[in-house]
C-alpha cells in the first residue's frame, strides 16, 4: 500500500513538473516569437525614431513609425485609472476586511466576483453608452470619448483586483498587532490607519501593481471609449490610442513594415508588463520576508 501511494506521489510530482515546464516553455516561445517578428523593423527605422517619434503613418509614401503618442496614451489612461481605482479599492477592501459582516459582506463579495467575471467588451459598451454621454454633457468634449472615459472604464475593471488583494492582505496581518493597538487605547479607525494598513502595505502595493498591469494591457474596452486617435494626447479630454489599441487596430490590414511594426509595438508592451511583473515579485518577496 505504501509503495502504491509513493508511486502515485511520484507520478503526480512529475506531472506537476511537466505542467510547470510547459508554462515556462510557452512563455519562452512567445517571447522569442514576438522579438523575432519585431526586431527586423530596426533595420529600416531607428530605435529612437520608433520610441520617441510622434508621427504614425505606416502606409504613407514616406512611412513613419513613431509610437510615442501611444506610449503617452497608455501611461495617461493607466495612471488616471489608478488615481480613480486605488482610493475606492482601498476603501472597499478595508470595509470588507474590518467592517462588513453577515449578509452585507456576502452581497458585496458576490458583486465584486461578478465585476471580475464580466467580459471587457461589456465594459466597453457600458462606457460608450453610459459614461461617454455623461462626460460629454459635463465637459467641453465633443464626443465624450477620450482618456477620461477610458480611465473611468478601466478603473471599474481593475477594482476587483485591488479590493480582493487589499482584503486578503489586511486579514493576513497578525491579530496580535490589532489587539495590542486596541489594548493601549487606540480606536478601531486609528488601528486601521496606523497599524493594519502599514503592516499590509507590501501586499496592497503588489495588488495595485497587478491592477496596473491589467489596465495597461487592456484592449477592447479602451478601444471602444478612448477615441482611437493616433495623435499626441493633450489632456484628459483628448482622444488617444494606446499600445494595445494600435496593435488591434492595424492587425487586420497591415502588411510589410506595418505588420512588423505591430510586433515591435508588442515588444514595447511586453517590456512594460515584464517590468511590472518583476516589481510585483519584489514586493511579494519583501512581504513574505516581513511576515516571516
Protein backbone atom coordinates (compact mmCIF):
# COMPACT_ATOMS: atom_id res chain seq x y z
CA UNK A 1 0.00 0.00 0.00
CA UNK A 2 2.82 2.37 0.88
CA UNK A 3 4.54 1.50 -2.42
CA UNK A 4 1.42 2.34 -4.41
CA UNK A 5 0.97 5.63 -2.55
CA UNK A 6 4.64 6.54 -3.02
CA UNK A 7 4.43 5.74 -6.73
CA UNK A 8 1.28 7.86 -7.05
CA UNK A 9 3.00 10.79 -5.34
CA UNK A 10 5.97 10.50 -7.69
CA UNK A 11 3.70 10.39 -10.74
CA UNK A 12 1.82 13.46 -9.52
CA UNK A 13 5.11 15.24 -8.81
CA UNK A 14 6.33 14.53 -12.35
CA UNK A 15 3.01 15.65 -13.78
CA UNK A 16 3.13 18.96 -11.91
CA UNK A 17 6.73 19.47 -13.01
CA UNK A 18 5.75 18.88 -16.65
CA UNK A 19 2.92 21.42 -16.32
CA UNK A 20 5.35 23.97 -14.87
CA UNK A 21 7.84 23.33 -17.67
CA UNK A 22 5.11 23.72 -20.30
CA UNK A 23 4.23 27.12 -18.83
CA UNK A 24 7.86 28.23 -18.90
CA UNK A 25 8.43 26.92 -22.43
CA UNK A 26 5.24 28.62 -23.65
CA UNK A 27 6.40 31.98 -22.31
CA UNK A 28 9.85 31.50 -23.84
CA UNK A 29 8.41 30.58 -27.24
CA UNK A 30 6.06 33.56 -27.11
CA UNK A 31 8.93 35.89 -26.19
CA UNK A 32 11.18 34.55 -28.95
CA UNK A 33 8.36 34.80 -31.49
CA UNK A 34 7.49 38.42 -30.64
CA UNK A 35 11.11 39.58 -30.71
CA UNK A 36 11.88 37.57 -33.86
CA UNK A 37 9.00 39.22 -35.69
CA UNK A 38 9.50 42.71 -34.26
CA UNK A 39 13.26 43.31 -34.25
CA UNK A 40 13.65 43.40 -38.09
CA UNK A 41 11.89 46.79 -38.13
CA UNK A 42 15.01 48.38 -36.69
CA UNK A 43 16.86 47.61 -39.93
CA UNK A 44 14.79 50.39 -41.53
CA UNK A 45 13.72 52.50 -38.53
CA UNK A 46 15.96 53.76 -35.74
CA UNK A 47 15.13 52.74 -32.18
CA UNK A 48 14.92 56.39 -31.11
CA UNK A 49 12.68 57.26 -34.08
CA UNK A 50 10.37 54.38 -33.19
CA UNK A 51 10.16 55.04 -29.45
CA UNK A 52 10.23 58.84 -29.49
CA UNK A 53 8.74 59.71 -32.87
CA UNK A 54 5.39 61.45 -32.70
CA UNK A 55 4.11 60.61 -36.19
CA UNK A 56 2.41 57.33 -37.11
CA UNK A 57 1.78 56.84 -40.84
CA UNK A 58 2.94 53.31 -41.71
CA UNK A 59 1.25 53.21 -45.13
CA UNK A 60 2.25 56.62 -46.45
CA UNK A 61 4.70 57.32 -49.29
CA UNK A 62 7.27 58.07 -46.62
CA UNK A 63 6.25 55.66 -43.81
CA UNK A 64 6.53 56.95 -40.25
CA UNK A 65 6.63 54.65 -37.24
CA UNK A 66 6.64 56.85 -34.15
CA UNK A 67 4.81 55.26 -31.20
CA UNK A 68 5.42 57.95 -28.58
CA UNK A 69 1.75 59.09 -28.72
CA UNK A 70 0.70 55.51 -27.96
CA UNK A 71 3.15 55.20 -25.08
CA UNK A 72 1.94 58.51 -23.64
CA UNK A 73 -1.68 57.45 -24.19
CA UNK A 74 -1.11 54.14 -22.42
CA UNK A 75 0.59 55.84 -19.47
CA UNK A 76 -2.07 58.53 -19.14
CA UNK A 77 -5.04 56.16 -19.33
CA UNK A 78 -3.40 53.75 -16.89
CA UNK A 79 -2.27 56.47 -14.47
CA UNK A 80 -5.66 58.19 -14.29
CA UNK A 81 -7.46 54.85 -13.94
CA UNK A 82 -5.24 54.13 -10.93
CA UNK A 83 -5.97 57.58 -9.48
CA UNK A 84 -9.67 56.68 -9.56
CA UNK A 85 -9.45 52.98 -8.66
CA UNK A 86 -6.87 52.91 -5.86
CA UNK A 87 -8.70 55.10 -3.27
CA UNK A 88 -12.03 53.37 -3.97
CA UNK A 89 -10.46 49.90 -3.99
CA UNK A 90 -8.59 50.51 -0.74
CA UNK A 91 -11.71 51.88 0.95
CA UNK A 92 -13.85 48.92 -0.12
CA UNK A 93 -11.09 46.44 0.77
CA UNK A 94 -10.76 47.94 4.27
CA UNK A 95 -14.53 47.87 4.69
CA UNK A 96 -14.67 44.21 3.60
CA UNK A 97 -11.86 43.19 5.96
CA UNK A 98 -12.84 45.19 9.04
CA UNK A 99 -16.49 46.24 8.95
CA UNK A 100 -18.61 44.13 6.60
CA UNK A 101 -20.47 41.35 8.37
CA UNK A 102 -23.10 38.77 7.50
CA UNK A 103 -25.45 39.46 4.61
CA UNK A 104 -23.79 42.70 3.58
CA UNK A 105 -20.39 41.00 3.23
CA UNK A 106 -21.88 38.16 1.17
CA UNK A 107 -23.64 40.54 -1.21
CA UNK A 108 -20.52 42.68 -1.65
CA UNK A 109 -18.33 39.65 -2.38
CA UNK A 110 -20.83 38.41 -4.95
CA UNK A 111 -20.89 41.79 -6.68
CA UNK A 112 -17.08 42.00 -6.71
CA UNK A 113 -16.81 38.49 -8.15
CA UNK A 114 -19.35 39.44 -10.80
CA UNK A 115 -17.33 42.53 -11.73
CA UNK A 116 -14.23 40.37 -12.14
CA UNK A 117 -16.05 37.98 -14.50
CA UNK A 118 -17.69 40.48 -16.85
CA UNK A 119 -16.10 40.43 -20.36
CA UNK A 120 -14.16 43.55 -21.29
CA UNK A 121 -16.37 44.22 -24.32
CA UNK A 122 -19.32 44.67 -21.95
CA UNK A 123 -17.35 47.26 -20.01
CA UNK A 124 -16.63 48.97 -23.33
CA UNK A 125 -20.30 49.03 -24.27
CA UNK A 126 -21.21 50.40 -20.84
CA UNK A 127 -18.57 53.10 -21.19
CA UNK A 128 -19.71 54.04 -24.69
CA UNK A 129 -23.43 54.13 -23.88
CA UNK A 130 -23.49 55.32 -20.25
CA UNK A 131 -20.22 57.07 -19.35
CA UNK A 132 -19.33 58.88 -22.59
CA UNK A 133 -22.64 60.84 -22.75
CA UNK A 134 -22.17 61.98 -19.14
CA UNK A 135 -18.59 63.10 -19.86
CA UNK A 136 -19.81 64.90 -23.00
CA UNK A 137 -22.56 66.73 -21.10
CA UNK A 138 -20.31 67.77 -18.20
CA UNK A 139 -17.23 68.81 -20.18
CA UNK A 140 -16.23 70.51 -23.41
CA UNK A 141 -15.63 67.17 -25.14
CA UNK A 142 -17.46 66.84 -28.46
CA UNK A 143 -17.88 63.07 -28.30
CA UNK A 144 -17.25 62.14 -24.68
CA UNK A 145 -14.69 59.62 -25.89
CA UNK A 146 -11.13 60.06 -24.69
CA UNK A 147 -8.63 59.44 -21.92
CA UNK A 148 -11.03 60.37 -19.10
CA UNK A 149 -13.75 57.96 -20.26
CA UNK A 150 -11.18 55.23 -20.84
CA UNK A 151 -9.70 55.78 -17.37
CA UNK A 152 -13.12 55.54 -15.71
CA UNK A 153 -13.92 52.28 -17.52
CA UNK A 154 -10.51 50.79 -16.67
CA UNK A 155 -10.88 51.88 -13.04
CA UNK A 156 -14.12 49.91 -12.77
CA UNK A 157 -12.44 46.91 -14.42
CA UNK A 158 -9.47 46.76 -12.03
CA UNK A 159 -11.43 47.40 -8.83
CA UNK A 160 -11.92 43.67 -8.06
CA UNK A 161 -8.16 43.07 -8.13
CA UNK A 162 -7.40 45.91 -5.73
CA UNK A 163 -10.32 45.12 -3.42
CA UNK A 164 -9.60 41.38 -3.15
CA UNK A 165 -5.86 41.73 -2.55
CA UNK A 166 -6.40 44.58 -0.05
CA UNK A 167 -8.86 42.45 1.91
CA UNK A 168 -6.60 39.38 1.87
CA UNK A 169 -3.55 41.44 2.87
CA UNK A 170 -5.38 43.04 5.80
CA UNK A 171 -6.72 39.69 7.01
CA UNK A 172 -3.17 38.27 6.86
CA UNK A 173 -1.86 40.82 9.38
CA UNK A 174 -1.14 39.03 12.69
CA UNK A 175 -4.02 39.50 15.11
CA UNK A 176 -1.76 40.47 18.00
CA UNK A 177 -0.90 43.75 16.24
CA UNK A 178 -4.55 44.76 16.18
CA UNK A 179 -5.19 43.53 19.68
CA UNK A 180 -2.14 45.35 21.03
CA UNK A 181 -3.18 48.61 19.41
CA UNK A 182 -6.73 48.36 20.71
CA UNK A 183 -5.37 47.36 24.11
CA UNK A 184 -3.42 50.61 24.54
CA UNK A 185 -6.50 52.70 23.83
CA UNK A 186 -6.38 53.30 20.08
CA UNK A 187 -9.72 53.45 18.28
CA UNK A 188 -10.62 50.98 15.57
CA UNK A 189 -10.04 53.58 12.87
CA UNK A 190 -6.67 54.62 14.32
CA UNK A 191 -5.65 50.95 14.42
CA UNK A 192 -6.59 50.52 10.76
CA UNK A 193 -4.74 53.63 9.57
CA UNK A 194 -1.63 53.42 11.73
CA UNK A 195 -1.20 49.66 12.24
CA UNK A 196 -3.07 47.41 9.81
CA UNK A 197 -2.61 49.31 6.53
CA UNK A 198 1.15 49.91 7.05
CA UNK A 199 1.60 46.25 8.03
CA UNK A 200 -0.21 45.12 4.88
CA UNK A 201 1.36 47.75 2.62
CA UNK A 202 3.57 45.33 0.66
CA UNK A 203 0.63 43.13 -0.31
CA UNK A 204 -1.60 46.11 -1.08
CA UNK A 205 1.10 47.65 -3.27
CA UNK A 206 1.51 44.36 -5.12
CA UNK A 207 -2.24 44.35 -5.76
CA UNK A 208 -2.13 47.89 -7.12
CA UNK A 209 0.73 46.98 -9.45
CA UNK A 210 -1.14 43.87 -10.67
CA UNK A 211 -4.16 46.08 -11.36
CA UNK A 212 -1.88 48.47 -13.24
CA UNK A 213 -0.69 45.58 -15.40
CA UNK A 214 -4.31 44.67 -16.17
CA UNK A 215 -5.03 48.28 -17.02
CA UNK A 216 -2.08 48.81 -19.35
CA UNK A 217 -2.76 45.52 -21.15
CA UNK A 218 -6.48 46.04 -21.74
CA UNK A 219 -7.53 46.39 -25.39
CA UNK A 220 -11.21 46.02 -26.26
CA UNK A 221 -12.80 48.23 -23.62
CA UNK A 222 -10.33 51.07 -24.20
CA UNK A 223 -10.63 50.70 -27.97
CA UNK A 224 -14.35 51.43 -27.68
CA UNK A 225 -14.16 54.51 -25.42
CA UNK A 226 -10.77 56.24 -25.78
CA UNK A 227 -11.30 57.70 -29.26
CA UNK A 228 -8.55 55.74 -31.07
CA UNK A 229 -6.75 58.82 -32.37
CA UNK A 230 -3.08 58.28 -33.39
CA UNK A 231 -2.11 61.77 -32.23
CA UNK A 232 -0.31 63.01 -29.14
CA UNK A 233 -2.86 63.42 -26.31
CA UNK A 234 -3.08 66.93 -24.87
CA UNK A 235 -5.20 66.34 -21.81
CA UNK A 236 -7.84 64.22 -20.12
CA UNK A 237 -10.46 65.02 -22.75
CA UNK A 238 -8.18 64.20 -25.70
CA UNK A 239 -8.78 61.16 -27.83
CA UNK A 240 -5.93 58.71 -27.57
CA UNK A 241 -4.61 55.42 -28.86
CA UNK A 242 -2.78 53.02 -26.55
CA UNK A 243 -0.17 50.41 -27.47
CA UNK A 244 -2.73 47.61 -27.34
CA UNK A 245 -5.21 49.63 -29.39
CA UNK A 246 -2.58 50.24 -32.06
CA UNK A 247 -1.99 46.51 -32.45
CA UNK A 248 -5.70 45.67 -32.52
CA UNK A 249 -6.49 48.45 -35.00
CA UNK A 250 -3.83 47.58 -37.57
CA UNK A 251 -3.63 43.79 -37.38
CA UNK A 252 -6.49 43.17 -39.84
CA UNK A 253 -4.99 45.05 -42.80
CA UNK A 254 -1.27 45.57 -42.08
CA UNK A 255 1.42 44.28 -44.39
CA UNK A 256 5.19 44.69 -44.87
CA UNK A 257 6.88 47.02 -42.40
CA UNK A 258 3.50 47.97 -40.97
CA UNK A 259 2.92 44.33 -39.99
CA UNK A 260 6.38 44.12 -38.46
CA UNK A 261 5.86 47.37 -36.55
CA UNK A 262 2.85 45.87 -34.76
CA UNK A 263 5.07 43.13 -33.36
CA UNK A 264 7.62 45.78 -32.42
CA UNK A 265 4.84 47.61 -30.57
CA UNK A 266 4.09 44.31 -28.86
CA UNK A 267 7.75 44.14 -27.80
CA UNK A 268 7.45 47.50 -26.07
CA UNK A 269 4.24 46.42 -24.35
CA UNK A 270 5.91 43.15 -23.35
CA UNK A 271 8.74 45.07 -21.67
CA UNK A 272 6.20 47.24 -19.80
CA UNK A 273 4.39 44.17 -18.46
CA UNK A 274 7.68 42.40 -17.68
CA UNK A 275 8.88 45.32 -15.57
CA UNK A 276 5.56 45.43 -13.71
CA UNK A 277 5.72 41.70 -13.01
CA UNK A 278 9.28 41.99 -11.70
CA UNK A 279 8.16 44.80 -9.39
CA UNK A 280 5.27 42.64 -8.16
CA UNK A 281 7.62 39.74 -7.41
CA UNK A 282 9.95 42.04 -5.47
CA UNK A 283 7.09 43.39 -3.34
CA UNK A 284 5.68 39.91 -2.73
CA UNK A 285 9.13 38.67 -1.68
CA UNK A 286 9.52 41.58 0.72
CA UNK A 287 6.04 40.93 2.09
CA UNK A 288 6.82 37.27 2.74
CA UNK A 289 10.15 38.13 4.37
CA UNK A 290 8.44 40.76 6.52
CA UNK A 291 5.73 38.35 7.67
CA UNK A 292 8.27 35.66 8.48
